[in-house]
PDB file of all heavy atoms in Angstrom:
ATOM      1  N   GLN A   1       1.180 -49.720 -30.765  1.00  0.00           N
ATOM      2  CA  GLN A   1      -0.103 -49.919 -31.426  1.00  0.00           C
ATOM      3  C   GLN A   1      -0.075 -49.361 -32.844  1.00  0.00           C
ATOM      4  O   GLN A   1       0.329 -48.218 -33.075  1.00  0.00           O
ATOM      5  CB  GLN A   1      -1.230 -49.249 -30.635  1.00  0.00           C
ATOM      6  CG  GLN A   1      -2.609 -49.450 -31.253  1.00  0.00           C
ATOM      7  CD  GLN A   1      -3.702 -48.735 -30.477  1.00  0.00           C
ATOM      8  OE1 GLN A   1      -3.430 -48.033 -29.502  1.00  0.00           O
ATOM      9  NE2 GLN A   1      -4.946 -48.915 -30.902  1.00  0.00           N
ATOM     10  N   LEU A   2      -0.513 -50.162 -33.810  1.00  0.00           N
ATOM     11  CA  LEU A   2      -0.581 -49.748 -35.209  1.00  0.00           C
ATOM     12  C   LEU A   2      -1.990 -49.243 -35.499  1.00  0.00           C
ATOM     13  O   LEU A   2      -2.980 -49.932 -35.209  1.00  0.00           O
ATOM     14  CB  LEU A   2      -0.238 -50.915 -36.122  1.00  0.00           C
ATOM     15  CG  LEU A   2      -0.067 -50.609 -37.610  1.00  0.00           C
ATOM     16  CD1 LEU A   2       1.131 -49.703 -37.840  1.00  0.00           C
ATOM     17  CD2 LEU A   2       0.097 -51.905 -38.401  1.00  0.00           C
ATOM     18  N   VAL A   3      -2.084 -48.038 -36.081  1.00  0.00           N
ATOM     19  CA  VAL A   3      -3.380 -47.386 -36.284  1.00  0.00           C
ATOM     20  C   VAL A   3      -3.542 -47.027 -37.751  1.00  0.00           C
ATOM     21  O   VAL A   3      -2.671 -46.386 -38.346  1.00  0.00           O
ATOM     22  CB  VAL A   3      -3.507 -46.115 -35.417  1.00  0.00           C
ATOM     23  CG1 VAL A   3      -4.861 -45.442 -35.643  1.00  0.00           C
ATOM     24  CG2 VAL A   3      -3.302 -46.443 -33.948  1.00  0.00           C
ATOM     25  N   ASP A   4      -4.661 -47.424 -38.347  1.00  0.00           N
ATOM     26  CA  ASP A   4      -4.989 -46.993 -39.705  1.00  0.00           C
ATOM     27  C   ASP A   4      -5.529 -45.563 -39.663  1.00  0.00           C
ATOM     28  O   ASP A   4      -6.103 -45.127 -38.662  1.00  0.00           O
ATOM     29  CB  ASP A   4      -6.032 -47.918 -40.332  1.00  0.00           C
ATOM     30  CG  ASP A   4      -5.481 -49.296 -40.636  1.00  0.00           C
ATOM     31  OD1 ASP A   4      -4.269 -49.402 -40.903  1.00  0.00           O
ATOM     32  OD2 ASP A   4      -6.254 -50.272 -40.583  1.00  0.00           O
ATOM     33  N   THR A   5      -5.360 -44.828 -40.757  1.00  0.00           N
ATOM     34  CA  THR A   5      -5.859 -43.460 -40.837  1.00  0.00           C
ATOM     35  C   THR A   5      -6.827 -43.333 -42.009  1.00  0.00           C
ATOM     36  O   THR A   5      -6.997 -44.248 -42.816  1.00  0.00           O
ATOM     37  CB  THR A   5      -4.720 -42.442 -41.025  1.00  0.00           C
ATOM     38  OG1 THR A   5      -4.265 -42.475 -42.386  1.00  0.00           O
ATOM     39  CG2 THR A   5      -3.558 -42.741 -40.087  1.00  0.00           C
ATOM     40  N   ALA A   6      -7.432 -42.151 -42.103  1.00  0.00           N
ATOM     41  CA  ALA A   6      -8.363 -41.872 -43.192  1.00  0.00           C
ATOM     42  C   ALA A   6      -7.657 -41.323 -44.423  1.00  0.00           C
ATOM     43  O   ALA A   6      -8.306 -41.037 -45.431  1.00  0.00           O
ATOM     44  CB  ALA A   6      -9.426 -40.872 -42.718  1.00  0.00           C
ATOM     45  N   ALA A   7      -6.348 -41.164 -44.362  1.00  0.00           N
ATOM     46  CA  ALA A   7      -5.591 -40.603 -45.483  1.00  0.00           C
ATOM     47  C   ALA A   7      -5.201 -41.715 -46.440  1.00  0.00           C
ATOM     48  O   ALA A   7      -4.324 -42.534 -46.138  1.00  0.00           O
ATOM     49  CB  ALA A   7      -4.360 -39.872 -44.972  1.00  0.00           C
ATOM     50  N   LYS A   8      -5.863 -41.768 -47.596  1.00  0.00           N
ATOM     51  CA  LYS A   8      -5.637 -42.830 -48.572  1.00  0.00           C
ATOM     52  C   LYS A   8      -5.527 -42.225 -49.959  1.00  0.00           C
ATOM     53  O   LYS A   8      -6.262 -41.298 -50.302  1.00  0.00           O
ATOM     54  CB  LYS A   8      -6.791 -43.839 -48.535  1.00  0.00           C
ATOM     55  CG  LYS A   8      -7.014 -44.458 -47.158  1.00  0.00           C
ATOM     56  CD  LYS A   8      -8.210 -45.388 -47.155  1.00  0.00           C
ATOM     57  CE  LYS A   8      -8.495 -45.921 -45.752  1.00  0.00           C
ATOM     58  NZ  LYS A   8      -7.385 -46.737 -45.230  1.00  0.00           N
ATOM     59  N   ALA A   9      -4.621 -42.760 -50.778  1.00  0.00           N
ATOM     60  CA  ALA A   9      -4.432 -42.302 -52.156  1.00  0.00           C
ATOM     61  C   ALA A   9      -4.600 -43.483 -53.098  1.00  0.00           C
ATOM     62  O   ALA A   9      -4.003 -44.534 -52.898  1.00  0.00           O
ATOM     63  CB  ALA A   9      -3.048 -41.686 -52.338  1.00  0.00           C
ATOM     64  N   GLY A  10      -5.406 -43.307 -54.132  1.00  0.00           N
ATOM     65  CA  GLY A  10      -5.655 -44.375 -55.093  1.00  0.00           C
ATOM     66  C   GLY A  10      -6.995 -45.037 -54.844  1.00  0.00           C
ATOM     67  O   GLY A  10      -7.822 -44.538 -54.073  1.00  0.00           O
ATOM     68  N   PRO A  11      -7.263 -46.171 -55.510  1.00  0.00           N
ATOM     69  CA  PRO A  11      -6.298 -46.928 -56.326  1.00  0.00           C
ATOM     70  C   PRO A  11      -5.994 -46.268 -57.665  1.00  0.00           C
ATOM     71  O   PRO A  11      -6.821 -45.547 -58.212  1.00  0.00           O
ATOM     72  CB  PRO A  11      -7.012 -48.275 -56.535  1.00  0.00           C
ATOM     73  CG  PRO A  11      -8.471 -47.935 -56.432  1.00  0.00           C
ATOM     74  CD  PRO A  11      -8.570 -46.838 -55.418  1.00  0.00           C
ATOM     75  N   PHE A  12      -4.778 -46.520 -58.146  1.00  0.00           N
ATOM     76  CA  PHE A  12      -4.327 -46.027 -59.437  1.00  0.00           C
ATOM     77  C   PHE A  12      -4.332 -47.197 -60.409  1.00  0.00           C
ATOM     78  O   PHE A  12      -3.667 -48.203 -60.186  1.00  0.00           O
ATOM     79  CB  PHE A  12      -2.930 -45.425 -59.316  1.00  0.00           C
ATOM     80  CG  PHE A  12      -2.876 -44.286 -58.331  1.00  0.00           C
ATOM     81  CD1 PHE A  12      -2.385 -44.481 -57.045  1.00  0.00           C
ATOM     82  CD2 PHE A  12      -3.317 -43.024 -58.687  1.00  0.00           C
ATOM     83  CE1 PHE A  12      -2.335 -43.444 -56.138  1.00  0.00           C
ATOM     84  CE2 PHE A  12      -3.276 -41.975 -57.773  1.00  0.00           C
ATOM     85  CZ  PHE A  12      -2.784 -42.177 -56.499  1.00  0.00           C
ATOM     86  N   PHE A  13      -5.085 -47.050 -61.493  1.00  0.00           N
ATOM     87  CA  PHE A  13      -5.271 -48.143 -62.456  1.00  0.00           C
ATOM     88  C   PHE A  13      -4.432 -47.896 -63.704  1.00  0.00           C
ATOM     89  O   PHE A  13      -3.970 -46.774 -63.948  1.00  0.00           O
ATOM     90  CB  PHE A  13      -6.751 -48.250 -62.836  1.00  0.00           C
ATOM     91  CG  PHE A  13      -7.640 -48.623 -61.697  1.00  0.00           C
ATOM     92  CD1 PHE A  13      -8.350 -47.644 -61.006  1.00  0.00           C
ATOM     93  CD2 PHE A  13      -7.762 -49.938 -61.297  1.00  0.00           C
ATOM     94  CE1 PHE A  13      -9.168 -47.981 -59.945  1.00  0.00           C
ATOM     95  CE2 PHE A  13      -8.586 -50.289 -60.231  1.00  0.00           C
ATOM     96  CZ  PHE A  13      -9.288 -49.305 -59.555  1.00  0.00           C
ATOM     97  N   PRO A  14      -4.261 -48.951 -64.527  1.00  0.00           N
ATOM     98  CA  PRO A  14      -3.538 -48.768 -65.789  1.00  0.00           C
ATOM     99  C   PRO A  14      -4.257 -47.752 -66.669  1.00  0.00           C
ATOM    100  O   PRO A  14      -5.457 -47.512 -66.529  1.00  0.00           O
ATOM    101  CB  PRO A  14      -3.564 -50.161 -66.417  1.00  0.00           C
ATOM    102  CG  PRO A  14      -3.813 -51.093 -65.284  1.00  0.00           C
ATOM    103  CD  PRO A  14      -4.667 -50.334 -64.313  1.00  0.00           C
ATOM    104  N   PHE A  15      -3.508 -47.138 -67.582  1.00  0.00           N
ATOM    105  CA  PHE A  15      -4.116 -46.203 -68.513  1.00  0.00           C
ATOM    106  C   PHE A  15      -5.117 -46.930 -69.407  1.00  0.00           C
ATOM    107  O   PHE A  15      -4.965 -48.110 -69.713  1.00  0.00           O
ATOM    108  CB  PHE A  15      -3.047 -45.524 -69.373  1.00  0.00           C
ATOM    109  CG  PHE A  15      -2.207 -44.549 -68.605  1.00  0.00           C
ATOM    110  CD1 PHE A  15      -0.884 -44.840 -68.307  1.00  0.00           C
ATOM    111  CD2 PHE A  15      -2.744 -43.360 -68.164  1.00  0.00           C
ATOM    112  CE1 PHE A  15      -0.114 -43.949 -67.588  1.00  0.00           C
ATOM    113  CE2 PHE A  15      -1.980 -42.459 -67.442  1.00  0.00           C
ATOM    114  CZ  PHE A  15      -0.657 -42.743 -67.155  1.00  0.00           C
ATOM    115  N   ARG A  16      -6.152 -46.214 -69.806  1.00  0.00           N
ATOM    116  CA  ARG A  16      -7.204 -46.788 -70.633  1.00  0.00           C
ATOM    117  C   ARG A  16      -6.615 -47.422 -71.894  1.00  0.00           C
ATOM    118  O   ARG A  16      -5.787 -46.829 -72.579  1.00  0.00           O
ATOM    119  CB  ARG A  16      -8.208 -45.705 -71.027  1.00  0.00           C
ATOM    120  CG  ARG A  16      -9.469 -46.240 -71.734  1.00  0.00           C
ATOM    121  CD  ARG A  16     -10.355 -45.080 -72.161  1.00  0.00           C
ATOM    122  NE  ARG A  16     -10.746 -44.284 -71.025  1.00  0.00           N
ATOM    123  CZ  ARG A  16     -11.796 -44.549 -70.243  1.00  0.00           C
ATOM    124  NH1 ARG A  16     -12.546 -45.617 -70.500  1.00  0.00           N
ATOM    125  NH2 ARG A  16     -12.101 -43.760 -69.226  1.00  0.00           N
ATOM    126  N   GLY A  17      -7.062 -48.621 -72.197  1.00  0.00           N
ATOM    127  CA  GLY A  17      -6.623 -49.293 -73.407  1.00  0.00           C
ATOM    128  C   GLY A  17      -5.322 -50.060 -73.264  1.00  0.00           C
ATOM    129  O   GLY A  17      -4.801 -50.586 -74.233  1.00  0.00           O
ATOM    130  N   THR A  18      -4.763 -50.106 -72.029  1.00  0.00           N
ATOM    131  CA  THR A  18      -3.522 -50.844 -71.806  1.00  0.00           C
ATOM    132  C   THR A  18      -3.713 -51.810 -70.651  1.00  0.00           C
ATOM    133  O   THR A  18      -4.650 -51.684 -69.854  1.00  0.00           O
ATOM    134  CB  THR A  18      -2.344 -49.918 -71.468  1.00  0.00           C
ATOM    135  OG1 THR A  18      -2.484 -49.437 -70.123  1.00  0.00           O
ATOM    136  CG2 THR A  18      -2.290 -48.729 -72.426  1.00  0.00           C
ATOM    137  N   ASP A  19      -2.821 -52.786 -70.564  1.00  0.00           N
ATOM    138  CA  ASP A  19      -2.832 -53.697 -69.427  1.00  0.00           C
ATOM    139  C   ASP A  19      -1.552 -53.562 -68.613  1.00  0.00           C
ATOM    140  O   ASP A  19      -1.196 -54.435 -67.827  1.00  0.00           O
ATOM    141  CB  ASP A  19      -3.002 -55.142 -69.894  1.00  0.00           C
ATOM    142  CG  ASP A  19      -1.895 -55.588 -70.858  1.00  0.00           C
ATOM    143  OD1 ASP A  19      -1.020 -54.758 -71.178  1.00  0.00           O
ATOM    144  OD2 ASP A  19      -1.927 -56.758 -71.283  1.00  0.00           O
ATOM    145  N   GLN A  20      -0.865 -52.431 -68.802  1.00  0.00           N
ATOM    146  CA  GLN A  20       0.372 -52.210 -68.075  1.00  0.00           C
ATOM    147  C   GLN A  20       0.078 -51.755 -66.655  1.00  0.00           C
ATOM    148  O   GLN A  20      -0.879 -51.010 -66.418  1.00  0.00           O
ATOM    149  CB  GLN A  20       1.239 -51.160 -68.784  1.00  0.00           C
ATOM    150  CG  GLN A  20       1.693 -51.568 -70.176  1.00  0.00           C
ATOM    151  CD  GLN A  20       2.540 -52.826 -70.129  1.00  0.00           C
ATOM    152  OE1 GLN A  20       3.472 -52.925 -69.337  1.00  0.00           O
ATOM    153  NE2 GLN A  20       2.192 -53.807 -70.964  1.00  0.00           N
ATOM    154  N   PRO A  21       0.882 -52.165 -65.661  1.00  0.00           N
ATOM    155  CA  PRO A  21       0.676 -51.719 -64.285  1.00  0.00           C
ATOM    156  C   PRO A  21       0.744 -50.199 -64.179  1.00  0.00           C
ATOM    157  O   PRO A  21       1.357 -49.529 -65.008  1.00  0.00           O
ATOM    158  CB  PRO A  21       1.833 -52.378 -63.523  1.00  0.00           C
ATOM    159  CG  PRO A  21       2.226 -53.544 -64.364  1.00  0.00           C
ATOM    160  CD  PRO A  21       1.987 -53.119 -65.786  1.00  0.00           C
ATOM    161  N   ALA A  22       0.101 -49.659 -63.152  1.00  0.00           N
ATOM    162  CA  ALA A  22       0.045 -48.206 -62.986  1.00  0.00           C
ATOM    163  C   ALA A  22       1.420 -47.605 -62.710  1.00  0.00           C
ATOM    164  O   ALA A  22       1.686 -46.463 -63.064  1.00  0.00           O
ATOM    165  CB  ALA A  22      -0.911 -47.862 -61.841  1.00  0.00           C
ATOM    166  N   ASN A  23       2.320 -48.357 -62.044  1.00  0.00           N
ATOM    167  CA  ASN A  23       3.635 -47.831 -61.666  1.00  0.00           C
ATOM    168  C   ASN A  23       3.509 -46.552 -60.856  1.00  0.00           C
ATOM    169  O   ASN A  23       4.274 -45.610 -61.033  1.00  0.00           O
ATOM    170  CB  ASN A  23       4.511 -47.592 -62.900  1.00  0.00           C
ATOM    171  CG  ASN A  23       5.010 -48.882 -63.510  1.00  0.00           C
ATOM    172  OD1 ASN A  23       5.209 -49.869 -62.803  1.00  0.00           O
ATOM    173  ND2 ASN A  23       5.200 -48.888 -64.820  1.00  0.00           N
ATOM    174  N   ALA A  24       2.507 -46.514 -59.997  1.00  0.00           N
ATOM    175  CA  ALA A  24       2.322 -45.351 -59.134  1.00  0.00           C
ATOM    176  C   ALA A  24       3.383 -45.340 -58.042  1.00  0.00           C
ATOM    177  O   ALA A  24       3.981 -46.369 -57.722  1.00  0.00           O
ATOM    178  CB  ALA A  24       0.924 -45.379 -58.515  1.00  0.00           C
ATOM    179  N   SER A  25       3.629 -44.164 -57.460  1.00  0.00           N
ATOM    180  CA  SER A  25       4.600 -44.054 -56.375  1.00  0.00           C
ATOM    181  C   SER A  25       4.108 -43.034 -55.365  1.00  0.00           C
ATOM    182  O   SER A  25       3.218 -42.229 -55.655  1.00  0.00           O
ATOM    183  CB  SER A  25       5.982 -43.656 -56.905  1.00  0.00           C
ATOM    184  OG  SER A  25       5.919 -42.427 -57.601  1.00  0.00           O
ATOM    185  N   ALA A  26       4.665 -43.087 -54.175  1.00  0.00           N
ATOM    186  CA  ALA A  26       4.259 -42.178 -53.106  1.00  0.00           C
ATOM    187  C   ALA A  26       5.464 -41.814 -52.269  1.00  0.00           C
ATOM    188  O   ALA A  26       6.421 -42.580 -52.179  1.00  0.00           O
ATOM    189  CB  ALA A  26       3.183 -42.820 -52.229  1.00  0.00           C
ATOM    190  N   ALA A  27       5.415 -40.635 -51.653  1.00  0.00           N
ATOM    191  CA  ALA A  27       6.511 -40.199 -50.792  1.00  0.00           C
ATOM    192  C   ALA A  27       5.958 -39.353 -49.660  1.00  0.00           C
ATOM    193  O   ALA A  27       5.093 -38.499 -49.882  1.00  0.00           O
ATOM    194  CB  ALA A  27       7.534 -39.387 -51.587  1.00  0.00           C
ATOM    195  N   VAL A  28       6.420 -39.595 -48.465  1.00  0.00           N
ATOM    196  CA  VAL A  28       6.131 -38.722 -47.334  1.00  0.00           C
ATOM    197  C   VAL A  28       7.254 -37.697 -47.258  1.00  0.00           C
ATOM    198  O   VAL A  28       8.420 -38.055 -47.093  1.00  0.00           O
ATOM    199  CB  VAL A  28       6.037 -39.512 -46.018  1.00  0.00           C
ATOM    200  CG1 VAL A  28       5.984 -38.569 -44.821  1.00  0.00           C
ATOM    201  CG2 VAL A  28       4.803 -40.405 -46.023  1.00  0.00           C
TER     202      VAL A  28
END
């Protein structure tokens, strides 16, 4: 069984004044 959790990070948006992707990353 796959279970969602309440632990969420983001959303991470581009820096103000740019249209570049956030390039965010995560690690357990």
